[in-house]
PDB file of N, CA and C in Angstrom:
ATOM      1  N   MET A   1     134.993  -0.873-170.466  1.00  0.00           N
ATOM      2  CA  MET A   1     135.390  -1.499-171.704  1.00  0.00           C
ATOM      3  C   MET A   1     134.238  -1.388-172.705  1.00  0.00           C
ATOM      4  N   ALA A   2     134.557  -0.949-173.887  1.00  0.00           N
ATOM      5  CA  ALA A   2     133.538  -0.745-174.914  1.00  0.00           C
ATOM      6  C   ALA A   2     133.115  -2.087-175.519  1.00  0.00           C
ATOM      7  N   ARG A   3     131.818  -2.190-175.784  1.00  0.00           N
ATOM      8  CA  ARG A   3     131.305  -3.408-176.423  1.00  0.00           C
ATOM      9  C   ARG A   3     131.518  -3.313-177.920  1.00  0.00           C
ATOM     10  N   THR A   4     131.795  -4.432-178.497  1.00  0.00           N
ATOM     11  CA  THR A   4     131.923  -4.486-179.956  1.00  0.00           C
ATOM     12  C   THR A   4     130.798  -5.356-180.490  1.00  0.00           C
ATOM     13  N   TYR A   5     130.279  -4.982-181.610  1.00  0.00           N
ATOM     14  CA  TYR A   5     129.197  -5.722-182.244  1.00  0.00           C
ATOM     15  C   TYR A   5     129.675  -6.195-183.607  1.00  0.00           C
ATOM     16  N   PRO A   6     129.219  -7.381-183.984  1.00  0.00           N
ATOM     17  CA  PRO A   6     129.631  -7.857-185.305  1.00  0.00           C
ATOM     18  C   PRO A   6     129.048  -6.958-186.394  1.00  0.00           C
ATOM     19  N   ILE A   7     129.775  -6.820-187.442  1.00  0.00           N
ATOM     20  CA  ILE A   7     129.318  -6.011-188.566  1.00  0.00           C
ATOM     21  C   ILE A   7     128.226  -6.790-189.292  1.00  0.00           C
ATOM     22  N   SER A   8     127.142  -6.121-189.557  1.00  0.00           N
ATOM     23  CA  SER A   8     126.015  -6.744-190.235  1.00  0.00           C
ATOM     24  C   SER A   8     126.317  -6.917-191.721  1.00  0.00           C
ATOM     25  N   ASN A   9     125.969  -8.081-192.229  1.00  0.00           N
ATOM     26  CA  ASN A   9     126.171  -8.367-193.643  1.00  0.00           C
ATOM     27  C   ASN A   9     124.790  -8.623-194.260  1.00  0.00           C
ATOM     28  N   PRO A  10     124.229  -7.667-194.996  1.00  0.00           N
ATOM     29  CA  PRO A  10     122.877  -7.827-195.546  1.00  0.00           C
ATOM     30  C   PRO A  10     122.726  -9.076-196.415  1.00  0.00           C
ATOM     31  N   ARG A  11     123.725  -9.404-197.197  1.00  0.00           N
ATOM     32  CA  ARG A  11     123.631 -10.587-198.061  1.00  0.00           C
ATOM     33  C   ARG A  11     123.544 -11.856-197.207  1.00  0.00           C
ATOM     34  N   LEU A  12     124.366 -11.933-196.170  1.00  0.00           N
ATOM     35  CA  LEU A  12     124.351 -13.090-195.283  1.00  0.00           C
ATOM     36  C   LEU A  12     123.005 -13.198-194.565  1.00  0.00           C
ATOM     37  N   GLU A  13     122.486 -12.070-194.132  1.00  0.00           N
ATOM     38  CA  GLU A  13     121.179 -12.072-193.463  1.00  0.00           C
ATOM     39  C   GLU A  13     120.073 -12.520-194.409  1.00  0.00           C
ATOM     40  N   ARG A  14     120.107 -12.061-195.668  1.00  0.00           N
ATOM     41  CA  ARG A  14     119.113 -12.489-196.655  1.00  0.00           C
ATOM     42  C   ARG A  14     119.202 -13.992-196.889  1.00  0.00           C
ATOM     43  N   ASP A  15     120.423 -14.502-196.996  1.00  0.00           N
ATOM     44  CA  ASP A  15     120.607 -15.942-197.202  1.00  0.00           C
ATOM     45  C   ASP A  15     120.071 -16.746-196.018  1.00  0.00           C
ATOM     46  N   ARG A  16     120.338 -16.256-194.810  1.00  0.00           N
ATOM     47  CA  ARG A  16     119.822 -16.948-193.618  1.00  0.00           C
ATOM     48  C   ARG A  16     118.301 -16.929-193.592  1.00  0.00           C
ATOM     49  N   ASP A  17     117.706 -15.777-193.919  1.00  0.00           N
ATOM     50  CA  ASP A  17     116.242 -15.673-193.964  1.00  0.00           C
ATOM     51  C   ASP A  17     115.661 -16.632-195.002  1.00  0.00           C
ATOM     52  N   ARG A  18     116.284 -16.691-196.171  1.00  0.00           N
ATOM     53  CA  ARG A  18     115.805 -17.587-197.221  1.00  0.00           C
ATOM     54  C   ARG A  18     115.906 -19.047-196.765  1.00  0.00           C
ATOM     55  N   ASP A  19     117.006 -19.405-196.116  1.00  0.00           N
ATOM     56  CA  ASP A  19     117.175 -20.775-195.626  1.00  0.00           C
ATOM     57  C   ASP A  19     116.124 -21.117-194.580  1.00  0.00           C
ATOM     58  N   ARG A  20     115.818 -20.156-193.702  1.00  0.00           N
ATOM     59  CA  ARG A  20     114.777 -20.387-192.690  1.00  0.00           C
ATOM     60  C   ARG A  20     113.411 -20.587-193.348  1.00  0.00           C
ATOM     61  N   ARG A  21     113.104 -19.766-194.357  1.00  0.00           N
ATOM     62  CA  ARG A  21     111.826 -19.906-195.065  1.00  0.00           C
ATOM     63  C   ARG A  21     111.749 -21.245-195.779  1.00  0.00           C
ATOM     64  N   ASP A  22     112.836 -21.649-196.441  1.00  0.00           N
ATOM     65  CA  ASP A  22     112.850 -22.928-197.145  1.00  0.00           C
ATOM     66  C   ASP A  22     112.650 -24.092-196.180  1.00  0.00           C
ATOM     67  N   THR A  23     113.301 -24.023-195.024  1.00  0.00           N
ATOM     68  CA  THR A  23     113.154 -25.071-194.019  1.00  0.00           C
ATOM     69  C   THR A  23     111.719 -25.108-193.513  1.00  0.00           C
ATOM     70  N   ARG A  24     111.164 -23.947-193.248  1.00  0.00           N
ATOM     71  CA  ARG A  24     109.777 -23.874-192.762  1.00  0.00           C
ATOM     72  C   ARG A  24     108.802 -24.395-193.811  1.00  0.00           C
ATOM     73  N   ASP A  25     109.008 -24.017-195.072  1.00  0.00           N
ATOM     74  CA  ASP A  25     108.124 -24.486-196.142  1.00  0.00           C
ATOM     75  C   ASP A  25     108.187 -25.994-196.288  1.00  0.00           C
ATOM     76  N   SER A  26     109.376 -26.572-196.217  1.00  0.00           N
ATOM     77  CA  SER A  26     109.488 -28.026-196.364  1.00  0.00           C
ATOM     78  C   SER A  26     108.869 -28.728-195.159  1.00  0.00           C
ATOM     79  N   GLN A  27     108.988 -28.135-193.972  1.00  0.00           N
ATOM     80  CA  GLN A  27     108.359 -28.713-192.789  1.00  0.00           C
ATOM     81  C   GLN A  27     106.832 -28.682-192.925  1.00  0.00           C
ATOM     82  N   LEU A  28     106.282 -27.590-193.458  1.00  0.00           N
ATOM     83  CA  LEU A  28     104.832 -27.493-193.648  1.00  0.00           C
ATOM     84  C   LEU A  28     104.340 -28.538-194.649  1.00  0.00           C
ATOM     85  N   LEU A  29     105.116 -28.804-195.699  1.00  0.00           N
ATOM     86  CA  LEU A  29     104.738 -29.829-196.670  1.00  0.00           C
ATOM     87  C   LEU A  29     104.719 -31.212-196.025  1.00  0.00           C
ATOM     88  N   VAL A  30     105.695 -31.495-195.188  1.00  0.00           N
ATOM     89  CA  VAL A  30     105.728 -32.781-194.490  1.00  0.00           C
ATOM     90  C   VAL A  30     104.521 -32.899-193.567  1.00  0.00           C
ATOM     91  N   GLU A  31     104.210 -31.834-192.851  1.00  0.00           N
ATOM     92  CA  GLU A  31     103.056 -31.859-191.949  1.00  0.00           C
ATOM     93  C   GLU A  31     101.756 -32.016-192.717  1.00  0.00           C
ATOM     94  N   ARG A  32     101.647 -31.389-193.876  1.00  0.00           N
ATOM     95  CA  ARG A  32     100.445 -31.541-194.693  1.00  0.00           C
ATOM     96  C   ARG A  32     100.292 -32.997-195.139  1.00  0.00           C
ATOM     97  N   ASP A  33     101.405 -33.620-195.539  1.00  0.00           N
ATOM     98  CA  ASP A  33     101.367 -35.045-195.901  1.00  0.00           C
ATOM     99  C   ASP A  33     100.937 -35.902-194.712  1.00  0.00           C
ATOM    100  N   ASP A  34     101.385 -35.532-193.511  1.00  0.00           N
ATOM    101  CA  ASP A  34     100.976 -36.259-192.310  1.00  0.00           C
ATOM    102  C   ASP A  34      99.467 -36.164-192.099  1.00  0.00           C
ATOM    103  N   LEU A  35      98.904 -34.985-192.337  1.00  0.00           N
ATOM    104  CA  LEU A  35      97.458 -34.818-192.194  1.00  0.00           C
ATOM    105  C   LEU A  35      96.700 -35.637-193.235  1.00  0.00           C
ATOM    106  N   VAL A  36      97.232 -35.718-194.450  1.00  0.00           N
ATOM    107  CA  VAL A  36      96.619 -36.548-195.491  1.00  0.00           C
ATOM    108  C   VAL A  36      96.596 -37.998-195.032  1.00  0.00           C
ATOM    109  N   GLN A  37      97.715 -38.469-194.467  1.00  0.00           N
ATOM    110  CA  GLN A  37      97.778 -39.849-193.967  1.00  0.00           C
ATOM    111  C   GLN A  37      96.804 -40.063-192.808  1.00  0.00           C
ATOM    112  N   LEU A  38      96.684 -39.077-191.939  1.00  0.00           N
ATOM    113  CA  LEU A  38      95.756 -39.173-190.813  1.00  0.00           C
ATOM    114  C   LEU A  38      94.327 -39.347-191.313  1.00  0.00           C
ATOM    115  N   LEU A  39      93.939 -38.518-192.286  1.00  0.00           N
ATOM    116  CA  LEU A  39      92.569 -38.578-192.802  1.00  0.00           C
ATOM    117  C   LEU A  39      92.321 -39.800-193.682  1.00  0.00           C
ATOM    118  N   ALA A  40      93.373 -40.442-194.140  1.00  0.00           N
ATOM    119  CA  ALA A  40      93.212 -41.610-195.016  1.00  0.00           C
ATOM    120  C   ALA A  40      92.733 -42.837-194.246  1.00  0.00           C
ATOM    121  N   SER A  41      92.949 -42.867-192.934  1.00  0.00           N
ATOM    122  CA  SER A  41      92.541 -44.042-192.159  1.00  0.00           C
ATOM    123  C   SER A  41      91.278 -43.747-191.358  1.00  0.00           C
ATOM    124  N   GLU A  42      90.490 -44.779-191.161  1.00  0.00           N
ATOM    125  CA  GLU A  42      89.262 -44.641-190.375  1.00  0.00           C
ATOM    126  C   GLU A  42      89.582 -44.208-188.942  1.00  0.00           C
ATOM    127  N   GLN A  43      90.649 -44.778-188.383  1.00  0.00           N
ATOM    128  CA  GLN A  43      91.035 -44.432-187.018  1.00  0.00           C
ATOM    129  C   GLN A  43      91.473 -42.969-186.936  1.00  0.00           C
ATOM    130  N   GLY A  44      92.221 -42.515-187.912  1.00  0.00           N
ATOM    131  CA  GLY A  44      92.672 -41.124-187.922  1.00  0.00           C
ATOM    132  C   GLY A  44      91.505 -40.155-188.024  1.00  0.00           C
ATOM    133  N   ARG A  45      90.537 -40.483-188.881  1.00  0.00           N
ATOM    134  CA  ARG A  45      89.354 -39.622-189.013  1.00  0.00           C
ATOM    135  C   ARG A  45      88.559 -39.591-187.719  1.00  0.00           C
ATOM    136  N   ARG A  46      88.464 -40.746-187.046  1.00  0.00           N
ATOM    137  CA  ARG A  46      87.712 -40.813-185.793  1.00  0.00           C
ATOM    138  C   ARG A  46      88.381 -39.953-184.714  1.00  0.00           C
ATOM    139  N   VAL A  47      89.702 -40.028-184.620  1.00  0.00           N
ATOM    140  CA  VAL A  47      90.429 -39.234-183.624  1.00  0.00           C
ATOM    141  C   VAL A  47      90.332 -37.740-183.952  1.00  0.00           C
ATOM    142  N   ALA A  48      90.499 -37.388-185.226  1.00  0.00           N
ATOM    143  CA  ALA A  48      90.402 -35.978-185.630  1.00  0.00           C
ATOM    144  C   ALA A  48      89.008 -35.434-185.323  1.00  0.00           C
ATOM    145  N   ALA A  49      87.979 -36.235-185.578  1.00  0.00           N
ATOM    146  CA  ALA A  49      86.608 -35.799-185.293  1.00  0.00           C
ATOM    147  C   ALA A  49      86.418 -35.571-183.797  1.00  0.00           C
ATOM    148  N   ARG A  50      86.997 -36.446-182.985  1.00  0.00           N
ATOM    149  CA  ARG A  50      86.875 -36.283-181.538  1.00  0.00           C
ATOM    150  C   ARG A  50      87.560 -34.998-181.072  1.00  0.00           C
ATOM    151  N   ILE A  51      88.731 -34.714-181.623  1.00  0.00           N
ATOM    152  CA  ILE A  51      89.446 -33.489-181.250  1.00  0.00           C
ATOM    153  C   ILE A  51      88.623 -32.261-181.631  1.00  0.00           C
ATOM    154  N   LEU A  52      88.030 -32.283-182.828  1.00  0.00           N
ATOM    155  CA  LEU A  52      87.219 -31.145-183.267  1.00  0.00           C
ATOM    156  C   LEU A  52      85.974 -30.983-182.393  1.00  0.00           C
ATOM    157  N   ARG A  53      85.393 -32.108-181.968  1.00  0.00           N
ATOM    158  CA  ARG A  53      84.239 -32.037-181.060  1.00  0.00           C
ATOM    159  C   ARG A  53      84.635 -31.391-179.741  1.00  0.00           C
ATOM    160  N   GLU A  54      85.762 -31.842-179.168  1.00  0.00           N
ATOM    161  CA  GLU A  54      86.235 -31.297-177.898  1.00  0.00           C
ATOM    162  C   GLU A  54      86.598 -29.821-178.020  1.00  0.00           C
ATOM    163  N   ALA A  55      86.974 -29.405-179.229  1.00  0.00           N
ATOM    164  CA  ALA A  55      87.363 -28.007-179.455  1.00  0.00           C
ATOM    165  C   ALA A  55      86.157 -27.117-179.717  1.00  0.00           C
ATOM    166  N   MET A  56      84.969 -27.669-179.606  1.00  0.00           N
ATOM    167  CA  MET A  56      83.734 -26.888-179.709  1.00  0.00           C
ATOM    168  C   MET A  56      83.641 -26.120-181.033  1.00  0.00           C
ATOM    169  N   THR A  57      84.030 -26.758-182.129  1.00  0.00           N
ATOM    170  CA  THR A  57      84.033 -26.055-183.407  1.00  0.00           C
ATOM    171  C   THR A  57      82.633 -25.841-183.967  1.00  0.00           C
ATOM    172  N   ARG A  58      81.656 -26.576-183.472  1.00  0.00           N
ATOM    173  CA  ARG A  58      80.301 -26.426-184.006  1.00  0.00           C
ATOM    174  C   ARG A  58      79.292 -26.059-182.927  1.00  0.00           C
ATOM    175  N   GLN A  59      79.761 -25.380-181.909  1.00  0.00           N
ATOM    176  CA  GLN A  59      78.843 -24.942-180.861  1.00  0.00           C
ATOM    177  C   GLN A  59      79.303 -23.600-180.304  1.00  0.00           C
ATOM    178  N   SER A  60      78.435 -22.977-179.589  1.00  0.00           N
ATOM    179  CA  SER A  60      78.727 -21.670-179.013  1.00  0.00           C
ATOM    180  C   SER A  60      79.704 -21.816-177.844  1.00  0.00           C
ATOM    181  N   VAL A  61      80.554 -20.835-177.682  1.00  0.00           N
ATOM    182  CA  VAL A  61      81.486 -20.828-176.551  1.00  0.00           C
ATOM    183  C   VAL A  61      80.925 -20.015-175.389  1.00  0.00           C
ATOM    184  N   PHE A  62      79.736 -19.473-175.554  1.00  0.00           N
ATOM    185  CA  PHE A  62      79.165 -18.586-174.540  1.00  0.00           C
ATOM    186  C   PHE A  62      79.049 -19.283-173.193  1.00  0.00           C
ATOM    187  N   ASN A  63      79.412 -18.539-172.157  1.00  0.00           N
ATOM    188  CA  ASN A  63      79.225 -18.959-170.776  1.00  0.00           C
ATOM    189  C   ASN A  63      79.144 -17.677-169.958  1.00  0.00           C
ATOM    190  N   GLN A  64      78.287 -17.670-168.936  1.00  0.00           N
ATOM    191  CA  GLN A  64      78.161 -16.458-168.131  1.00  0.00           C
ATOM    192  C   GLN A  64      79.430 -16.157-167.347  1.00  0.00           C
ATOM    193  N   ASN A  65      80.225 -17.178-167.086  1.00  0.00           N
ATOM    194  CA  ASN A  65      81.513 -16.978-166.431  1.00  0.00           C
ATOM    195  C   ASN A  65      82.529 -16.591-167.504  1.00  0.00           C
ATOM    196  N   ALA A  66      83.053 -15.392-167.413  1.00  0.00           N
ATOM    197  CA  ALA A  66      83.962 -14.875-168.448  1.00  0.00           C
ATOM    198  C   ALA A  66      85.215 -15.723-168.603  1.00  0.00           C
ATOM    199  N   MET A  67      85.718 -16.277-167.500  1.00  0.00           N
ATOM    200  CA  MET A  67      86.934 -17.104-167.581  1.00  0.00           C
ATOM    201  C   MET A  67      86.660 -18.396-168.347  1.00  0.00           C
ATOM    202  N   VAL A  68      85.515 -19.006-168.102  1.00  0.00           N
ATOM    203  CA  VAL A  68      85.151 -20.235-168.820  1.00  0.00           C
ATOM    204  C   VAL A  68      84.949 -19.921-170.298  1.00  0.00           C
ATOM    205  N   MET A  69      84.276 -18.810-170.567  1.00  0.00           N
ATOM    206  CA  MET A  69      84.039 -18.430-171.958  1.00  0.00           C
ATOM    207  C   MET A  69      85.362 -18.156-172.668  1.00  0.00           C
ATOM    208  N   SER A  70      86.296 -17.543-171.993  1.00  0.00           N
ATOM    209  CA  SER A  70      87.610 -17.268-172.575  1.00  0.00           C
ATOM    210  C   SER A  70      88.338 -18.566-172.893  1.00  0.00           C
ATOM    211  N   ALA A  71      88.305 -19.506-171.972  1.00  0.00           N
ATOM    212  CA  ALA A  71      88.943 -20.808-172.197  1.00  0.00           C
ATOM    213  C   ALA A  71      88.277 -21.527-173.371  1.00  0.00           C
ATOM    214  N   ASN A  72      86.960 -21.477-173.431  1.00  0.00           N
ATOM    215  CA  ASN A  72      86.231 -22.109-174.538  1.00  0.00           C
ATOM    216  C   ASN A  72      86.596 -21.472-175.873  1.00  0.00           C
ATOM    217  N   ALA A  73      86.729 -20.153-175.876  1.00  0.00           N
ATOM    218  CA  ALA A  73      87.088 -19.451-177.115  1.00  0.00           C
ATOM    219  C   ALA A  73      88.486 -19.856-177.582  1.00  0.00           C
ATOM    220  N   GLY A  74      89.394 -20.039-176.652  1.00  0.00           N
ATOM    221  CA  GLY A  74      90.734 -20.489-177.012  1.00  0.00           C
ATOM    222  C   GLY A  74      90.721 -21.883-177.603  1.00  0.00           C
ATOM    223  N   LYS A  75      89.956 -22.788-176.985  1.00  0.00           N
ATOM    224  CA  LYS A  75      89.827 -24.146-177.525  1.00  0.00           C
ATOM    225  C   LYS A  75      89.228 -24.108-178.926  1.00  0.00           C
ATOM    226  N   GLN A  76      88.198 -23.280-179.085  1.00  0.00           N
ATOM    227  CA  GLN A  76      87.535 -23.211-180.378  1.00  0.00           C
ATOM    228  C   GLN A  76      88.470 -22.659-181.454  1.00  0.00           C
ATOM    229  N   GLU A  77      89.262 -21.675-181.115  1.00  0.00           N
ATOM    230  CA  GLU A  77      90.203 -21.099-182.080  1.00  0.00           C
ATOM    231  C   GLU A  77      91.179 -22.150-182.569  1.00  0.00           C
ATOM    232  N   LEU A  78      91.701 -22.947-181.659  1.00  0.00           N
ATOM    233  CA  LEU A  78      92.614 -24.024-182.049  1.00  0.00           C
ATOM    234  C   LEU A  78      91.892 -25.055-182.907  1.00  0.00           C
ATOM    235  N   GLY A  79      90.664 -25.381-182.541  1.00  0.00           N
ATOM    236  CA  GLY A  79      89.886 -26.342-183.318  1.00  0.00           C
ATOM    237  C   GLY A  79      89.587 -25.851-184.727  1.00  0.00           C
ATOM    238  N   LEU A  80      89.272 -24.559-184.851  1.00  0.00           N
ATOM    239  CA  LEU A  80      89.007 -23.997-186.176  1.00  0.00           C
ATOM    240  C   LEU A  80      90.270 -24.001-187.037  1.00  0.00           C
ATOM    241  N   TRP A  81      91.413 -23.748-186.408  1.00  0.00           N
ATOM    242  CA  TRP A  81      92.687 -23.829-187.140  1.00  0.00           C
ATOM    243  C   TRP A  81      92.913 -25.256-187.632  1.00  0.00           C
ATOM    244  N   LEU A  82      92.696 -26.239-186.756  1.00  0.00           N
ATOM    245  CA  LEU A  82      92.890 -27.635-187.149  1.00  0.00           C
ATOM    246  C   LEU A  82      91.926 -28.018-188.266  1.00  0.00           C
ATOM    247  N   ALA A  83      90.685 -27.587-188.172  1.00  0.00           N
ATOM    248  CA  ALA A  83      89.700 -27.898-189.222  1.00  0.00           C
ATOM    249  C   ALA A  83      90.153 -27.320-190.566  1.00  0.00           C
ATOM    250  N   ARG A  84      90.676 -26.095-190.570  1.00  0.00           N
ATOM    251  CA  ARG A  84      91.188 -25.495-191.811  1.00  0.00           C
ATOM    252  C   ARG A  84      92.359 -26.297-192.366  1.00  0.00           C
ATOM    253  N   GLU A  85      93.267 -26.701-191.490  1.00  0.00           N
ATOM    254  CA  GLU A  85      94.418 -27.490-191.924  1.00  0.00           C
ATOM    255  C   GLU A  85      93.974 -28.815-192.531  1.00  0.00           C
ATOM    256  N   LEU A  86      93.028 -29.481-191.888  1.00  0.00           N
ATOM    257  CA  LEU A  86      92.531 -30.765-192.394  1.00  0.00           C
ATOM    258  C   LEU A  86      91.821 -30.589-193.732  1.00  0.00           C
ATOM    259  N   ARG A  87      90.986 -29.563-193.833  1.00  0.00           N
ATOM    260  CA  ARG A  87      90.279 -29.286-195.100  1.00  0.00           C
ATOM    261  C   ARG A  87      91.262 -29.005-196.222  1.00  0.00           C
ATOM    262  N   ASP A  88      92.266 -28.188-195.938  1.00  0.00           N
ATOM    263  CA  ASP A  88      93.244 -27.840-196.966  1.00  0.00           C
ATOM    264  C   ASP A  88      94.089 -29.037-197.377  1.00  0.00           C
ATOM    265  N   ALA A  89      94.345 -29.944-196.441  1.00  0.00           N
ATOM    266  CA  ALA A  89      95.184 -31.103-196.735  1.00  0.00           C
ATOM    267  C   ALA A  89      94.446 -32.113-197.615  1.00  0.00           C
ATOM    268  N   ASP A  90      93.181 -32.394-197.286  1.00  0.00           N
ATOM    269  CA  ASP A  90      92.447 -33.443-198.015  1.00  0.00           C
ATOM    270  C   ASP A  90      90.946 -33.229-197.833  1.00  0.00           C
ATOM    271  N   LEU A  91      90.382 -32.430-198.706  1.00  0.00           N
ATOM    272  CA  LEU A  91      88.962 -32.066-198.586  1.00  0.00           C
ATOM    273  C   LEU A  91      88.049 -33.284-198.666  1.00  0.00           C
ATOM    274  N   THR A  92      88.338 -34.207-199.560  1.00  0.00           N
ATOM    275  CA  THR A  92      87.479 -35.388-199.735  1.00  0.00           C
ATOM    276  C   THR A  92      87.374 -36.189-198.444  1.00  0.00           C
ATOM    277  N   ASN A  93      88.502 -36.506-197.835  1.00  0.00           N
ATOM    278  CA  ASN A  93      88.472 -37.290-196.599  1.00  0.00           C
ATOM    279  C   ASN A  93      88.005 -36.465-195.407  1.00  0.00           C
ATOM    280  N   TYR A  94      88.180 -35.149-195.455  1.00  0.00           N
ATOM    281  CA  TYR A  94      87.635 -34.297-194.401  1.00  0.00           C
ATOM    282  C   TYR A  94      86.105 -34.386-194.412  1.00  0.00           C
ATOM    283  N   LEU A  95      85.531 -34.287-195.600  1.00  0.00           N
ATOM    284  CA  LEU A  95      84.073 -34.405-195.720  1.00  0.00           C
ATOM    285  C   LEU A  95      83.598 -35.801-195.339  1.00  0.00           C
ATOM    286  N   ARG A  96      84.386 -36.783-195.684  1.00  0.00           N
ATOM    287  CA  ARG A  96      84.080 -38.171-195.307  1.00  0.00           C
ATOM    288  C   ARG A  96      84.062 -38.296-193.780  1.00  0.00           C
ATOM    289  N   MET A  97      85.056 -37.688-193.133  1.00  0.00           N
ATOM    290  CA  MET A  97      85.113 -37.705-191.668  1.00  0.00           C
ATOM    291  C   MET A  97      83.859 -37.076-191.078  1.00  0.00           C
ATOM    292  N   GLN A  98      83.425 -35.962-191.659  1.00  0.00           N
ATOM    293  CA  GLN A  98      82.220 -35.304-191.147  1.00  0.00           C
ATOM    294  C   GLN A  98      80.981 -36.173-191.325  1.00  0.00           C
ATOM    295  N   SER A  99      80.896 -36.863-192.453  1.00  0.00           N
ATOM    296  CA  SER A  99      79.711 -37.708-192.661  1.00  0.00           C
ATOM    297  C   SER A  99      79.741 -38.937-191.754  1.00  0.00           C
ATOM    298  N   GLU A 100      80.933 -39.457-191.449  1.00  0.00           N
ATOM    299  CA  GLU A 100      81.043 -40.605-190.551  1.00  0.00           C
ATOM    300  C   GLU A 100      80.750 -40.213-189.110  1.00  0.00           C
ATOM    301  N   ASN A 101      81.045 -38.986-188.771  1.00  0.00           N
ATOM    302  CA  ASN A 101      80.864 -38.477-187.402  1.00  0.00           C
ATOM    303  C   ASN A 101      80.062 -37.200-187.504  1.00  0.00           C
ATOM    304  N   ASP A 102      78.775 -37.297-187.722  1.00  0.00           N
ATOM    305  CA  ASP A 102      78.003 -36.101-188.057  1.00  0.00           C
ATOM    306  C   ASP A 102      77.989 -35.052-186.972  1.00  0.00           C
ATOM    307  N   ASP A 103      78.574 -35.313-185.824  1.00  0.00           N
ATOM    308  CA  ASP A 103      78.654 -34.273-184.800  1.00  0.00           C
ATOM    309  C   ASP A 103      80.039 -33.639-184.737  1.00  0.00           C
ATOM    310  N   ALA A 104      80.934 -33.973-185.693  1.00  0.00           N
ATOM    311  CA  ALA A 104      82.301 -33.422-185.682  1.00  0.00           C
ATOM    312  C   ALA A 104      82.338 -32.067-186.332  1.00  0.00           C
TER     313      ALA A 104
END
């Protein structure tokens, strides 16, 4: 029995792509607002600083064991992404967090 495939509709596909982008963009805006709220509180800044410390964002990931170094590099990459997100969301409170936790 021959398989049948639905006929592709370029306009419908473009509309679906646009809807997905719009949904993603609005979700990113909500998440950015969440980060602003996180940095607005002393507790949020303290927790964010702890996460960045654990992610080794300000130290070397070097280890003679390649597996440990690989794991450290992965943690650091995630930490650097989070630091960029926090900076982009609210630079003033990000800097405040760093001054409150000078090892973050």
